Protein backbone atom coordinates (compact mmCIF):
# COMPACT_ATOMS: atom_id res chain seq x y z
CA GLY A 1 47.44 85.17 113.25
CA GLY A 2 47.17 81.49 112.12
CA GLN A 3 43.77 81.81 110.77
CA VAL A 4 44.78 82.25 107.03
CA ARG A 5 47.25 81.12 104.82
CA VAL A 6 48.39 83.39 102.11
CA MET A 7 50.93 82.66 99.17
CA MET A 8 52.17 85.37 96.77
CA CYS A 9 54.52 85.00 93.79
CA ARG A 10 56.00 86.83 90.90
CA THR A 11 56.86 84.93 87.75
CA THR A 12 57.54 87.79 85.31
CA ARG A 13 60.67 86.65 84.17
CA MET A 14 59.58 82.93 83.70
CA ALA A 15 56.78 84.02 81.70
CA GLN A 16 59.01 86.01 79.43
CA LYS A 17 61.32 83.11 79.11
CA ALA A 18 58.47 80.63 78.05
CA CYS A 19 57.12 83.32 75.60
CA ASP A 20 60.76 83.58 74.16
CA ILE A 21 61.13 79.45 74.03
CA HIS A 22 57.91 79.00 72.34
CA GLN A 23 57.99 81.88 70.09
CA ALA A 24 54.37 82.27 71.68
CA SER A 25 51.75 84.84 70.95
CA ASP A 26 50.68 87.41 73.18
CA VAL A 27 47.36 85.33 74.12
CA ALA A 28 49.31 82.26 74.44
CA THR A 29 51.90 84.29 76.79
CA ALA A 30 49.01 85.62 78.86
CA ALA A 31 47.77 81.89 79.61
CA MET A 32 51.09 80.68 80.29
CA GLY A 33 51.68 83.56 82.42
CA ARG A 34 48.63 82.58 84.60
CA VAL A 35 49.18 78.98 84.81
CA LEU A 36 52.97 79.27 85.86
CA PRO A 37 52.10 80.87 89.32
CA GLY A 38 49.07 78.74 89.54
CA THR A 39 51.37 75.67 89.42
CA SER A 40 54.20 77.27 91.37
CA MET A 41 51.87 77.54 94.63
CA LEU A 42 50.71 73.89 94.03
CA SER A 43 54.38 72.75 93.72
CA VAL A 44 55.78 74.41 96.65
CA MET A 45 53.10 72.93 99.01
CA LEU A 46 54.42 69.64 98.49
CA LYS A 47 57.30 69.19 100.92
CA GLU A 48 58.07 65.63 100.22
CA GLU A 49 61.60 64.98 98.58
CA ASN A 50 61.43 64.38 94.57
CA SER A 51 57.69 65.16 94.79
CA SER A 52 56.15 66.94 91.67
CA VAL A 53 52.97 68.30 90.27
CA THR A 54 51.63 68.39 86.80
CA LEU A 55 48.73 70.83 85.99
CA THR A 56 46.93 70.52 82.52
CA MET A 57 44.45 72.85 81.18
CA ALA A 58 42.55 71.03 78.35
CA GLY A 59 39.76 72.88 76.87
CA ASP A 60 38.04 73.28 73.46
CA GLY A 61 40.00 76.52 72.53
CA PRO A 62 42.48 76.77 69.75
CA GLY A 63 45.35 76.82 71.76
CA GLY A 64 44.94 73.41 72.77
CA ARG A 65 46.37 71.81 76.14
CA VAL A 66 48.68 74.07 78.26
CA ILE A 67 50.71 71.66 80.57
CA CYS A 68 52.93 72.93 83.57
CA VAL A 69 55.04 70.61 85.74
CA GLY A 70 56.69 71.80 89.04
CA HIS A 71 59.43 70.04 91.08
CA GLY A 72 59.56 72.00 94.21
CA ASN A 73 60.69 75.47 92.98
CA ASN A 74 61.73 74.68 89.47
CA LEU A 75 58.87 74.57 86.68
CA LYS A 76 58.54 74.15 83.07
CA ILE A 77 55.65 74.70 80.81
CA THR A 78 54.42 73.89 77.25
CA CYS A 79 51.44 74.76 75.20
CA ASP A 80 49.85 72.68 72.39
CA ASN A 81 49.71 75.48 70.09
CA PRO A 82 51.62 78.65 71.50
CA GLN A 83 51.47 80.87 67.96
CA VAL A 84 47.75 81.14 67.94
CA GLU A 85 46.55 84.70 68.04
CA LEU A 86 43.26 86.23 69.19
CA PRO A 87 41.96 89.65 69.18
CA VAL A 88 42.30 91.42 72.45
CA ILE A 89 39.24 92.18 74.67
CA ASP A 90 38.05 96.10 74.97
CA GLU A 91 41.35 96.67 73.27
CA VAL A 92 43.44 95.94 76.21
CA ARG A 93 42.90 92.47 77.81
CA GLN A 94 44.15 89.01 76.24
CA ASP A 95 41.55 86.52 75.47
CA VAL A 96 42.99 83.80 77.68
CA ALA A 97 39.49 82.04 78.00
CA GLY A 98 39.00 82.13 74.23
CA PHE A 99 42.53 80.71 73.92
CA ILE A 100 41.94 77.94 76.56
CA GLY A 101 38.22 77.27 75.91
CA LYS A 102 35.37 77.04 78.46
CA ASN A 103 34.53 73.31 77.78
CA GLY A 104 36.97 70.86 79.19
CA ARG A 105 38.88 69.93 82.12
CA ILE A 106 41.54 71.13 84.58
CA THR A 107 43.60 68.27 85.93
CA VAL A 108 46.21 68.05 88.60
CA VAL A 109 48.40 65.20 89.31
CA LYS A 110 50.55 65.30 92.45
CA ASP A 111 53.37 62.56 92.44
CA TYR A 112 54.66 62.25 95.90
CA GLY A 113 57.78 60.39 94.89
CA LYS A 114 56.53 57.11 96.26
CA GLY A 115 53.22 55.27 96.08
CA GLU A 116 50.54 56.10 93.67
CA PRO A 117 50.15 59.66 92.39
CA TYR A 118 46.98 61.66 93.34
CA THR A 119 44.97 62.81 90.76
CA GLY A 120 42.25 65.49 90.91
CA SER A 121 40.29 66.67 87.87
CA VAL A 122 37.09 68.87 87.60
CA GLN A 123 35.22 70.83 84.82
CA LEU A 124 36.55 74.15 83.49
CA VAL A 125 34.30 76.82 84.76
CA SER A 126 35.77 79.64 82.71
CA GLY A 127 39.31 79.19 81.15
CA GLU A 128 40.49 82.25 82.70
CA VAL A 129 42.67 79.70 85.07
CA ALA A 130 42.48 81.44 88.36
CA GLU A 131 38.37 80.52 88.52
CA ASP A 132 39.44 76.92 87.47
CA LEU A 133 41.93 76.30 89.79
CA ALA A 134 40.26 77.56 92.82
CA ARG A 135 37.08 75.25 91.79
CA TYR A 136 39.60 72.59 91.87
CA TYR A 137 40.81 73.45 95.38
CA LYS A 138 37.39 73.52 96.81
CA VAL A 139 36.05 70.15 94.92
CA SER A 140 39.06 68.02 94.81
CA GLU A 141 40.73 69.21 98.20
CA GLN A 142 37.73 70.46 100.00
CA THR A 143 39.68 73.87 100.59
CA PRO A 144 38.05 77.04 100.02
CA THR A 145 40.24 79.11 98.19
CA VAL A 146 40.43 82.81 96.71
CA LEU A 147 43.12 82.88 93.77
CA ALA A 148 43.97 85.65 91.52
CA LEU A 149 46.53 85.01 88.82
CA GLY A 150 47.32 87.60 86.05
CA CYS A 151 49.85 88.30 83.40
CA LEU A 152 50.41 91.95 81.84
CA ASN A 153 51.85 91.59 78.55
CA GLN A 154 51.92 93.08 75.07
CA SER A 155 53.77 92.89 71.73
CA GLY A 156 56.05 90.06 73.06
CA VAL A 157 57.07 91.91 76.32
CA VAL A 158 56.11 90.51 79.66
CA LEU A 159 55.70 93.45 82.16
CA SER A 160 54.45 91.28 85.01
CA SER A 161 53.24 87.77 85.84
CA GLY A 162 52.17 86.24 89.13
CA GLY A 163 49.41 85.69 91.40
CA ILE A 164 47.84 85.34 95.18
CA LEU A 165 46.29 82.44 97.07
CA VAL A 166 44.36 82.91 100.17
CA GLN A 167 43.01 80.07 101.88
CA THR A 168 41.40 80.10 105.46
CA LEU A 169 42.41 77.57 108.24
CA PRO A 170 40.36 75.74 110.69
CA GLY A 171 38.91 78.20 113.34
CA CYS A 172 39.05 81.02 110.99
CA SER A 173 36.98 83.81 112.58
CA ASP A 174 33.89 85.67 110.68
CA GLU A 175 35.56 89.01 111.29
CA VAL A 176 38.73 87.89 109.36
CA ILE A 177 36.68 86.26 106.51
CA ILE A 178 35.05 89.74 106.31
CA GLN A 179 38.31 91.49 106.15
CA LEU A 180 39.32 89.06 103.38
CA ASP A 181 35.89 89.97 101.50
CA ASN A 182 36.94 93.55 101.47
CA MET A 183 40.10 92.86 99.92
CA LEU A 184 39.07 91.11 96.89
CA PRO A 185 39.02 93.89 94.67
CA PHE A 186 42.58 94.46 95.13
CA PHE A 187 43.26 90.85 94.22
CA ALA A 188 41.50 91.05 91.25
CA GLY A 189 44.14 93.59 89.71
CA ILE A 190 46.93 91.37 90.78
CA SER A 191 49.06 91.76 87.66
CA ARG A 192 49.17 95.59 87.96
CA GLU A 193 49.54 95.46 91.67
CA ILE A 194 52.79 93.24 91.52
CA TYR A 195 53.92 95.26 88.56
CA ASP A 196 53.81 98.34 90.82
CA ARG A 197 55.11 97.30 93.90
CA GLY A 198 57.17 94.46 95.59
CA LEU A 199 55.37 91.31 97.24
CA LYS A 200 56.60 92.06 100.62
CA THR A 201 55.30 95.57 100.22
CA LEU A 202 51.98 94.50 99.11
CA ALA A 203 51.61 91.77 101.67
CA THR A 204 52.45 94.38 104.60
CA ALA A 205 49.73 96.56 103.20
CA TRP A 206 47.06 94.22 102.59
CA PHE A 207 47.54 92.28 105.84
CA ARG A 208 48.58 95.11 108.12
CA ASN A 209 46.11 94.60 110.69
CA MET A 210 45.88 90.79 110.55
CA ASP A 211 49.00 89.68 112.50
CA LEU A 212 51.36 88.99 109.32
CA GLU A 213 54.02 86.60 109.58
CA ILE A 214 56.00 85.85 106.62
CA LEU A 215 57.16 82.25 107.22
CA GLU A 216 59.15 81.56 104.20
CA GLU A 217 60.65 83.08 100.91
CA THR A 218 61.34 81.01 98.08
CA PRO A 219 62.83 81.66 94.61
CA LEU A 220 61.16 80.35 91.39
CA PHE A 221 63.06 79.22 88.28
CA LEU A 222 61.87 77.94 84.70
CA HIS A 223 64.14 75.00 84.35
CA CYS A 224 63.65 72.01 82.05
CA ASP A 225 65.11 68.75 83.15
CA CYS A 226 65.38 66.92 79.73
CA SER A 227 68.40 64.94 78.85
CA ARG A 228 69.71 62.97 75.83
CA ASP A 229 69.37 59.95 78.24
CA LYS A 230 65.71 60.87 78.88
CA MET A 231 65.02 61.08 75.03
CA ALA A 232 67.06 57.71 74.56
CA ALA A 233 64.68 55.95 77.09
CA ALA A 234 61.56 57.40 75.16
CA LEU A 235 62.85 56.09 72.20
CA ILE A 236 63.37 52.65 73.60
CA ALA A 237 59.98 53.03 75.30
CA THR A 238 58.52 52.97 71.61
CA GLY A 239 59.14 49.12 71.27
CA LYS A 240 61.46 47.05 69.41
CA ASN A 241 59.45 47.10 66.34
CA GLU A 242 59.30 51.00 65.77
CA LEU A 243 63.09 51.00 66.44
CA GLN A 244 63.50 48.56 63.50
CA LYS A 245 61.38 50.56 61.34
CA MET A 246 63.44 53.66 62.19
CA ILE A 247 66.73 51.82 61.58
CA GLN A 248 65.57 50.49 58.25
CA GLU A 249 64.94 54.08 57.43
CA ASP A 250 68.43 54.87 57.49
CA LYS A 251 67.57 58.40 58.51
CA ASP A 252 68.72 60.28 61.48
CA VAL A 253 65.77 60.74 64.27
CA GLU A 254 65.43 64.16 65.73
CA LEU A 255 63.46 64.61 69.01
CA VAL A 256 62.03 67.97 70.28
CA CYS A 257 61.50 68.52 74.08
CA TRP A 258 58.06 69.68 74.31
CA PHE A 259 59.01 72.07 77.37
CA CYS A 260 62.30 73.68 76.31
CA ARG A 261 62.37 72.98 72.42
CA ALA A 262 65.59 71.52 72.77
CA LYS A 263 66.66 69.20 69.96
CA ARG A 264 68.75 65.98 69.99
CA ASN A 265 69.59 63.64 67.07
CA PHE A 266 69.89 60.06 66.78
CA THR A 267 71.65 58.65 64.09
CA PRO A 268 71.04 55.06 62.84
CA GLY A 269 73.96 53.83 64.70
CA ASP A 270 72.51 55.51 67.97
CA LEU A 271 69.18 53.67 67.36
CA THR A 272 70.96 50.23 66.68
CA GLU A 273 72.72 50.72 70.06
CA LEU A 274 69.05 51.56 71.70
CA LEU A 275 67.73 48.50 69.93
CA GLU A 276 70.32 46.12 71.60
CA LYS A 277 69.48 47.64 75.09
CA ALA A 278 65.67 47.14 74.08
CA VAL A 279 66.30 43.54 73.15
CA LYS A 280 68.49 42.90 76.51
CA ALA A 281 65.59 44.42 78.45
């Protein structure tokens, strides 16, 4: 009815792919399985061409930073220490807060493709991802937000991953806010809800008395845009002195992409060509 914006997403296959790429532990997979849907909803909100968003969860937990980048409906994700393992909570839940840590910051960088990027950063409140991201929306974007993110996984298998975001729009009535409050218990179990039913089925059931209108459906992909040229540019960016040191060592240099773990090799001859380009620049 034009009073509330709702976004829902399923990222199960993306979370499984991220788990496989990074050979991640179950707790690391659960963390990435929450960050992926959170970033995807930030990313598809940006309508400018060539825009991108980077979400970084940097806490004091053993997992280190979790970084996710979204270009429209294409995402990539990495984690400092994806093999870290932690005991489950209550014999069921992955300890995502313990993995990320409760002390640190969540940072969102929005690059609109031109001009200066926008950066918003707030203190972590729980390390559970959804709470922290909801606080970012409230503090940095002044937008009250209900956000639920979840990942159901065990023994290297992701059964479901996804989330729901609900934001009230200007002029939203008290009656609608009360209706939303009554739905919160359903959102809390989002990973199990989207495992059992399709997104459209859930949306129709949850918002059946609220004049629901589905405006858009968008596919999501886990896709890394790294390339040999980009890695070569990174080597040039290290500077002439560093390139000369690498050449003098007379050994191949292997670069590994943080996001897709792709490896690319540069011979001393390749490095010499890059040095020549750096000198000309």
